[in-house]
C-alpha cells in the first residue's frame, strides 16, 4: 500500500500545509472572480478537512464529497461541515465522466462553476489518473478550477528492480510511464528526468499535454504547482480553465505577488514544511517580520528542519515563505 495512504491524517503535516495553501490561493482568486456560487467537490477522506476549511474561509455552501468506500462515506456524513453538504458513494471515474449528473443526483442545482480536487496517491494508477483528469476537463467551463495530486516518488515507478544498475532502472521506469500515458509524454523526455526534482516537472508537462488534448492548447492555465513529502513525494497542480470569455475576464496577473503562484508549467515550488511545537511556532511567527532571514536562521535556538537544511538554505526558505508561515501546522505537546 502507498505510504501516503496509510499515514494518519493528523500526522501528514506537509499535506495539512499544502491544503491550507490551496485554500489561501482560492481566497486570493476570490478577489478577482466571484466564487460564491461555485460547487466545491473532492474526495475529502473521512475527516473532510478541506471541505471544512473551504466552507469556513470562503463561505461556500455547495459542498460535494465522494468516495467509493461506503464505510468512508458514512464517516463523511457524520463529519460534514454543514447539513447541506452532499456525501455520496461514487468512483473518481464515475464522477469525472459526468460531474453535472453527480451534482444533480445529489440535489445540487444552480451552480455558477466548480472547484474540483482529484486527490490520488497510488503511483501504479498514473494512467487511470491522467485519463480521469482529461475526462473531468472535458466537462469543465470557463472559470472552473481543477486541482490534481499525483504520486511523484520516482523510486515507486514500476520497472526499477533492485538488482538492476541505476541507468537500467531509470530506462525501465520511463518506459513504464510511456506505456501508461505515452501520448502525453514529451518527445524530449529522458531517463535522467526521473529525479526528485525532475519527475514533478515531467508530470507537469504530461498534465499540460493532457489539458491541451481535453480543451485545446493554452485554455487550461496553471495557478500553483507544488511538491512536498509525507512519506512519499507528492505533486499537486492547481489550474483554471480560461476560455478567454470577454464577458468574464480572469485577471490572473493580480495573483503574481503570491509566493506559490506558478505562471509557467515548469515553475514548481518545493514545500519544505517544518513541524513546530506551539512554542516554536509562536517564536518564529514573532521574529520573521522583524529579523533578516539570515539572522533568524542563525539565531534560532532550535533547528526546525532537523539538519535537512544548511543555514543559508534555511534563510532562503524564510525569505520565500515568510508570508506563508502562518499556515504551517504545529504539533501540540505536553510541556
Protein backbone atom coordinates (compact mmCIF):
# COMPACT_ATOMS: atom_id res chain seq x y z
CA UNK A 1 0.00 0.00 0.00
CA UNK A 2 1.19 3.54 -0.77
CA UNK A 3 2.77 5.32 2.19
CA UNK A 4 0.70 8.42 1.63
CA UNK A 5 -2.45 6.37 2.03
CA UNK A 6 -1.54 4.85 5.39
CA UNK A 7 -0.04 7.81 7.27
CA UNK A 8 -2.76 9.11 9.63
CA UNK A 9 -4.28 12.43 8.58
CA UNK A 10 -3.16 14.28 11.71
CA UNK A 11 0.48 13.25 11.09
CA UNK A 12 0.60 14.40 7.45
CA UNK A 13 1.95 17.85 8.24
CA UNK A 14 3.04 18.68 4.68
CA UNK A 15 -0.39 17.67 3.41
CA UNK A 16 -2.02 19.89 6.03
CA UNK A 17 0.10 22.86 4.97
CA UNK A 18 -0.50 22.19 1.27
CA UNK A 19 -4.26 22.14 1.88
CA UNK A 20 -4.02 25.46 3.70
CA UNK A 21 -2.02 26.99 0.85
CA UNK A 22 -4.63 25.76 -1.65
CA UNK A 23 -7.47 27.42 0.26
CA UNK A 24 -5.38 30.60 0.55
CA UNK A 25 -4.99 30.55 -3.24
CA UNK A 26 -8.77 30.26 -3.61
CA UNK A 27 -9.21 33.14 -1.18
CA UNK A 28 -6.94 35.30 -3.33
CA UNK A 29 -8.66 34.14 -6.52
CA UNK A 30 -11.95 35.24 -5.00
CA UNK A 31 -10.68 38.83 -5.12
CA UNK A 32 -10.71 38.78 -8.93
CA UNK A 33 -13.69 36.49 -9.63
CA UNK A 34 -16.80 35.51 -7.70
CA UNK A 35 -16.75 32.01 -6.23
CA UNK A 36 -19.83 32.17 -4.01
CA UNK A 37 -22.00 30.23 -6.48
CA UNK A 38 -19.42 27.51 -7.09
CA UNK A 39 -19.60 23.86 -6.10
CA UNK A 40 -16.59 22.57 -4.18
CA UNK A 41 -16.05 18.87 -4.88
CA UNK A 42 -13.35 16.49 -3.69
CA UNK A 43 -12.81 13.01 -2.32
CA UNK A 44 -12.36 14.58 1.09
CA UNK A 45 -11.39 11.49 3.06
CA UNK A 46 -13.20 10.71 6.29
CA UNK A 47 -12.19 13.94 8.15
CA UNK A 48 -13.35 16.18 5.25
CA UNK A 49 -10.68 18.68 6.29
CA UNK A 50 -10.67 20.60 3.01
CA UNK A 51 -14.48 20.92 2.97
CA UNK A 52 -14.42 22.33 6.49
CA UNK A 53 -11.70 24.82 5.56
CA UNK A 54 -13.30 25.86 2.25
CA UNK A 55 -16.62 26.49 3.98
CA UNK A 56 -15.02 28.39 6.87
CA UNK A 57 -12.66 30.54 4.75
CA UNK A 58 -14.77 31.09 1.62
CA UNK A 59 -18.30 30.56 2.86
CA UNK A 60 -19.14 28.12 0.05
CA UNK A 61 -22.48 26.38 0.59
CA UNK A 62 -22.50 23.91 -2.32
CA UNK A 63 -20.21 21.20 -0.98
CA UNK A 64 -19.89 17.77 -2.61
CA UNK A 65 -17.83 14.86 -1.27
CA UNK A 66 -17.46 11.39 -2.76
CA UNK A 67 -15.70 8.10 -2.16
CA UNK A 68 -16.08 4.57 -3.47
CA UNK A 69 -15.82 3.08 0.02
CA UNK A 70 -19.25 3.04 1.77
CA UNK A 71 -17.60 2.99 5.22
CA UNK A 72 -15.72 6.19 4.39
CA UNK A 73 -18.91 7.83 3.09
CA UNK A 74 -20.69 7.03 6.36
CA UNK A 75 -17.92 8.79 8.29
CA UNK A 76 -18.08 11.73 5.89
CA UNK A 77 -21.79 12.10 6.55
CA UNK A 78 -21.05 12.28 10.26
CA UNK A 79 -18.13 14.73 9.83
CA UNK A 80 -19.57 17.05 7.17
CA UNK A 81 -19.25 20.77 7.97
CA UNK A 82 -22.84 21.79 7.13
CA UNK A 83 -26.13 19.84 6.82
CA UNK A 84 -26.41 20.60 3.07
CA UNK A 85 -23.02 19.07 2.27
CA UNK A 86 -23.63 16.08 -0.02
CA UNK A 87 -21.64 12.88 0.63
CA UNK A 88 -22.11 10.12 -1.94
CA UNK A 89 -20.69 6.73 -2.86
CA UNK A 90 -19.03 7.26 -6.21
CA UNK A 91 -15.79 6.36 -8.00
CA UNK A 92 -13.49 9.02 -9.42
CA UNK A 93 -14.13 7.65 -12.91
CA UNK A 94 -17.91 7.98 -12.48
CA UNK A 95 -17.62 11.50 -11.14
CA UNK A 96 -15.10 12.72 -13.74
CA UNK A 97 -17.13 11.41 -16.66
CA UNK A 98 -20.22 13.46 -15.70
CA UNK A 99 -19.88 15.79 -12.69
CA UNK A 100 -23.09 17.64 -13.57
CA UNK A 101 -25.06 14.42 -13.27
CA UNK A 102 -23.41 13.69 -9.90
CA UNK A 103 -24.37 17.15 -8.63
CA UNK A 104 -27.96 16.86 -9.86
CA UNK A 105 -28.49 13.43 -8.34
CA UNK A 106 -27.13 14.76 -5.05
CA UNK A 107 -29.59 17.67 -5.15
CA UNK A 108 -27.12 20.43 -6.01
CA UNK A 109 -28.55 22.85 -8.58
CA UNK A 110 -27.84 26.28 -10.00
CA UNK A 111 -24.07 26.27 -9.70
CA UNK A 112 -22.03 29.09 -11.26
CA UNK A 113 -18.88 27.00 -11.59
CA UNK A 114 -16.92 24.25 -9.91
CA UNK A 115 -13.75 23.75 -7.90
CA UNK A 116 -12.67 20.11 -8.08
CA UNK A 117 -9.78 18.38 -6.32
CA UNK A 118 -8.82 14.91 -7.56
CA UNK A 119 -6.50 13.60 -4.86
CA UNK A 120 -4.61 10.48 -5.93
CA UNK A 121 -1.87 8.60 -4.04
CA UNK A 122 -1.05 5.37 -5.89
CA UNK A 123 1.89 5.59 -8.34
CA UNK A 124 0.68 2.48 -10.19
CA UNK A 125 -2.54 4.30 -11.20
CA UNK A 126 -0.89 7.10 -13.19
CA UNK A 127 -2.54 6.12 -16.48
CA UNK A 128 -6.01 5.95 -14.95
CA UNK A 129 -5.45 9.18 -13.02
CA UNK A 130 -4.49 11.15 -16.14
CA UNK A 131 -7.39 9.61 -18.07
CA UNK A 132 -9.84 10.79 -15.38
CA UNK A 133 -8.20 14.21 -15.35
CA UNK A 134 -8.81 14.55 -19.10
CA UNK A 135 -12.39 13.32 -18.67
CA UNK A 136 -13.04 15.92 -15.98
CA UNK A 137 -11.57 18.77 -18.03
CA UNK A 138 -13.85 17.90 -20.94
CA UNK A 139 -16.73 18.63 -18.55
CA UNK A 140 -15.32 21.99 -17.42
CA UNK A 141 -16.29 25.52 -18.41
CA UNK A 142 -14.66 28.93 -18.28
CA UNK A 143 -13.64 29.82 -14.72
CA UNK A 144 -13.67 26.28 -13.33
CA UNK A 145 -10.77 25.44 -11.01
CA UNK A 146 -9.22 21.97 -11.11
CA UNK A 147 -6.62 20.56 -8.75
CA UNK A 148 -4.93 17.18 -9.05
CA UNK A 149 -2.49 15.47 -6.70
CA UNK A 150 -0.25 12.71 -8.07
CA UNK A 151 2.38 10.49 -6.51
CA UNK A 152 5.74 11.97 -7.54
CA UNK A 153 8.06 9.45 -5.92
CA UNK A 154 10.25 8.41 -8.85
CA UNK A 155 11.52 5.37 -6.93
CA UNK A 156 7.99 3.95 -6.72
CA UNK A 157 7.62 3.72 -10.51
CA UNK A 158 7.38 0.19 -11.81
CA UNK A 159 10.39 -1.31 -13.59
CA UNK A 160 13.14 -0.23 -11.21
CA UNK A 161 14.00 -3.63 -9.75
CA UNK A 162 16.69 -3.61 -7.08
CA UNK A 163 19.05 -5.94 -8.96
CA UNK A 164 19.32 -3.61 -11.97
CA UNK A 165 22.01 -0.92 -12.35
CA UNK A 166 20.67 2.63 -11.99
CA UNK A 167 20.71 3.52 -15.73
CA UNK A 168 18.59 0.44 -16.47
CA UNK A 169 16.20 1.25 -13.64
CA UNK A 170 15.62 4.75 -14.98
CA UNK A 171 15.20 3.49 -18.53
CA UNK A 172 12.61 0.92 -17.43
CA UNK A 173 10.75 3.49 -15.32
CA UNK A 174 10.46 5.89 -18.24
CA UNK A 175 9.33 3.03 -20.46
CA UNK A 176 6.57 2.23 -17.95
CA UNK A 177 5.43 5.87 -17.89
CA UNK A 178 5.25 5.86 -21.70
CA UNK A 179 3.15 2.69 -21.56
CA UNK A 180 0.70 4.44 -19.23
CA UNK A 181 0.46 7.94 -20.76
CA UNK A 182 2.61 7.72 -23.87
CA UNK A 183 0.53 10.17 -25.91
CA UNK A 184 1.24 12.91 -23.34
CA UNK A 185 4.93 12.26 -22.62
CA UNK A 186 7.15 14.97 -24.20
CA UNK A 187 9.36 13.79 -27.05
CA UNK A 188 12.47 15.05 -25.27
CA UNK A 189 11.72 13.13 -22.04
CA UNK A 190 14.68 11.04 -20.94
CA UNK A 191 15.53 8.68 -18.07
CA UNK A 192 17.57 11.42 -16.40
CA UNK A 193 14.35 13.36 -15.78
CA UNK A 194 13.34 10.80 -13.15
CA UNK A 195 14.85 12.53 -10.13
CA UNK A 196 13.32 14.06 -7.01
CA UNK A 197 13.06 17.48 -8.67
CA UNK A 198 12.79 16.29 -12.27
CA UNK A 199 9.85 13.88 -12.00
CA UNK A 200 7.36 16.56 -10.84
CA UNK A 201 8.41 18.69 -13.84
CA UNK A 202 7.77 15.75 -16.14
CA UNK A 203 4.37 15.20 -14.52
CA UNK A 204 3.52 18.88 -15.03
CA UNK A 205 4.41 18.60 -18.73
CA UNK A 206 2.26 15.48 -19.02
CA UNK A 207 -0.69 17.31 -17.44
CA UNK A 208 -0.17 20.26 -19.76
CA UNK A 209 -0.32 17.98 -22.82
CA UNK A 210 -3.36 16.17 -21.40
CA UNK A 211 -5.12 19.50 -20.76
CA UNK A 212 -4.40 20.63 -24.33
CA UNK A 213 -5.89 17.37 -25.60
CA UNK A 214 -9.01 17.91 -23.49
CA UNK A 215 -9.75 21.59 -24.14
CA UNK A 216 -7.16 22.99 -26.52
CA UNK A 217 -3.70 24.45 -26.07
CA UNK A 218 -3.46 27.31 -23.59
CA UNK A 219 -7.04 27.04 -22.32
CA UNK A 220 -6.02 25.44 -19.03
CA UNK A 221 -3.61 27.72 -17.19
CA UNK A 222 -1.51 26.81 -14.15
CA UNK A 223 -2.14 28.67 -10.90
CA UNK A 224 0.13 26.88 -8.44
CA UNK A 225 2.35 23.80 -8.84
CA UNK A 226 3.95 22.38 -5.69
CA UNK A 227 5.73 19.26 -4.49
CA UNK A 228 6.01 18.04 -0.93
CA UNK A 229 6.65 14.84 1.00
CA UNK A 230 4.70 12.99 3.69
CA UNK A 231 6.35 9.59 3.46
CA UNK A 232 6.50 9.81 -0.36
CA UNK A 233 6.85 12.86 -2.57
CA UNK A 234 3.59 14.21 -3.99
CA UNK A 235 2.92 16.69 -6.79
CA UNK A 236 -0.11 18.99 -6.64
CA UNK A 237 -1.22 21.11 -9.59
CA UNK A 238 -3.95 23.74 -9.35
CA UNK A 239 -5.26 25.08 -12.66
CA UNK A 240 -8.00 27.27 -14.03
CA UNK A 241 -9.99 26.96 -17.25
CA UNK A 242 -9.66 30.24 -19.13
CA UNK A 243 -11.52 30.26 -22.44
CA UNK A 244 -10.87 33.99 -22.91
CA UNK A 245 -14.50 34.91 -22.35
CA UNK A 246 -14.78 38.70 -22.98
CA UNK A 247 -17.67 38.89 -20.50
CA UNK A 248 -15.74 37.13 -17.71
CA UNK A 249 -12.12 38.24 -17.85
CA UNK A 250 -9.87 36.47 -15.32
CA UNK A 251 -7.14 38.90 -14.28
CA UNK A 252 -4.57 36.34 -13.17
CA UNK A 253 -1.75 38.87 -13.17
CA UNK A 254 -3.20 40.19 -9.90
CA UNK A 255 -2.13 36.96 -8.23
CA UNK A 256 1.53 37.28 -9.17
CA UNK A 257 2.66 38.69 -5.81
CA UNK A 258 1.83 35.42 -4.02
CA UNK A 259 4.83 33.23 -3.22
CA UNK A 260 3.41 29.99 -4.61
CA UNK A 261 1.99 31.25 -7.91
CA UNK A 262 3.18 29.32 -10.98
CA UNK A 263 3.00 31.37 -14.17
CA UNK A 264 4.61 28.54 -16.18
CA UNK A 265 4.11 24.76 -16.21
CA UNK A 266 7.76 24.28 -15.25
CA UNK A 267 7.57 26.59 -12.20
CA UNK A 268 7.20 24.10 -9.36
CA UNK A 269 7.59 25.16 -5.72
CA UNK A 270 9.13 22.66 -3.30
CA UNK A 271 7.37 22.79 0.07
CA UNK A 272 9.75 22.05 2.94
CA UNK A 273 7.48 22.01 5.95
CA UNK A 274 8.81 22.49 9.45
CA UNK A 275 6.80 20.69 12.10
CA UNK A 276 6.77 23.08 15.04
CA UNK A 277 5.55 22.90 18.59
CA UNK A 278 3.19 25.66 19.62
CA UNK A 279 6.02 27.46 21.46
CA UNK A 280 8.41 27.19 18.49
CA UNK A 281 5.77 28.41 16.07
CA UNK A 282 4.99 31.41 18.28
CA UNK A 283 8.68 32.41 18.31
CA UNK A 284 9.14 32.04 14.53
CA UNK A 285 5.95 33.97 13.79
CA UNK A 286 7.08 36.77 16.08
CA UNK A 287 10.62 37.02 14.71
CA UNK A 288 10.02 36.65 10.95
CA UNK A 289 8.73 40.22 10.39
CA UNK A 290 11.44 41.88 12.48
CA UNK A 291 14.68 39.99 11.68
CA UNK A 292 16.60 39.50 8.47
CA UNK A 293 16.17 35.93 7.26
CA UNK A 294 19.92 35.25 7.62
CA UNK A 295 19.95 36.37 11.25
CA UNK A 296 16.78 34.45 12.03
CA UNK A 297 18.27 31.25 10.62
CA UNK A 298 21.48 31.66 12.64
CA UNK A 299 19.85 32.80 15.90
CA UNK A 300 17.01 30.28 16.27
CA UNK A 301 17.60 28.17 19.40
CA UNK A 302 16.35 25.05 17.56
CA UNK A 303 16.62 23.55 14.08
CA UNK A 304 13.10 23.41 12.55
CA UNK A 305 14.30 21.11 9.75
CA UNK A 306 16.31 18.62 11.81
CA UNK A 307 19.54 19.12 9.89
CA UNK A 308 17.99 18.78 6.43
CA UNK A 309 18.96 22.36 5.50
CA UNK A 310 22.07 24.50 5.81
CA UNK A 311 21.76 27.91 7.47
CA UNK A 312 21.87 29.52 4.02
CA UNK A 313 19.09 27.26 2.71
CA UNK A 314 17.04 27.95 5.83
CA UNK A 315 17.43 31.70 5.30
CA UNK A 316 16.25 31.38 1.69
CA UNK A 317 13.28 29.37 2.91
CA UNK A 318 12.26 32.06 5.41
CA UNK A 319 12.63 34.76 2.73
CA UNK A 320 10.41 32.97 0.26
CA UNK A 321 7.76 31.70 2.65
CA UNK A 322 7.58 34.39 5.32
CA UNK A 323 4.04 35.28 4.23
CA UNK A 324 3.05 31.59 4.38
CA UNK A 325 4.45 30.55 7.75
CA UNK A 326 1.14 31.24 9.47
CA UNK A 327 -0.32 28.29 7.54
CA UNK A 328 2.25 25.79 8.78
CA UNK A 329 0.89 23.04 11.00
CA UNK A 330 2.00 22.92 14.59
CA UNK A 331 2.30 19.91 16.86
CA UNK A 332 0.76 20.38 20.28
CA UNK A 333 2.93 18.89 23.01
CA UNK A 334 2.64 18.49 26.77
CA UNK A 335 5.03 20.96 28.32
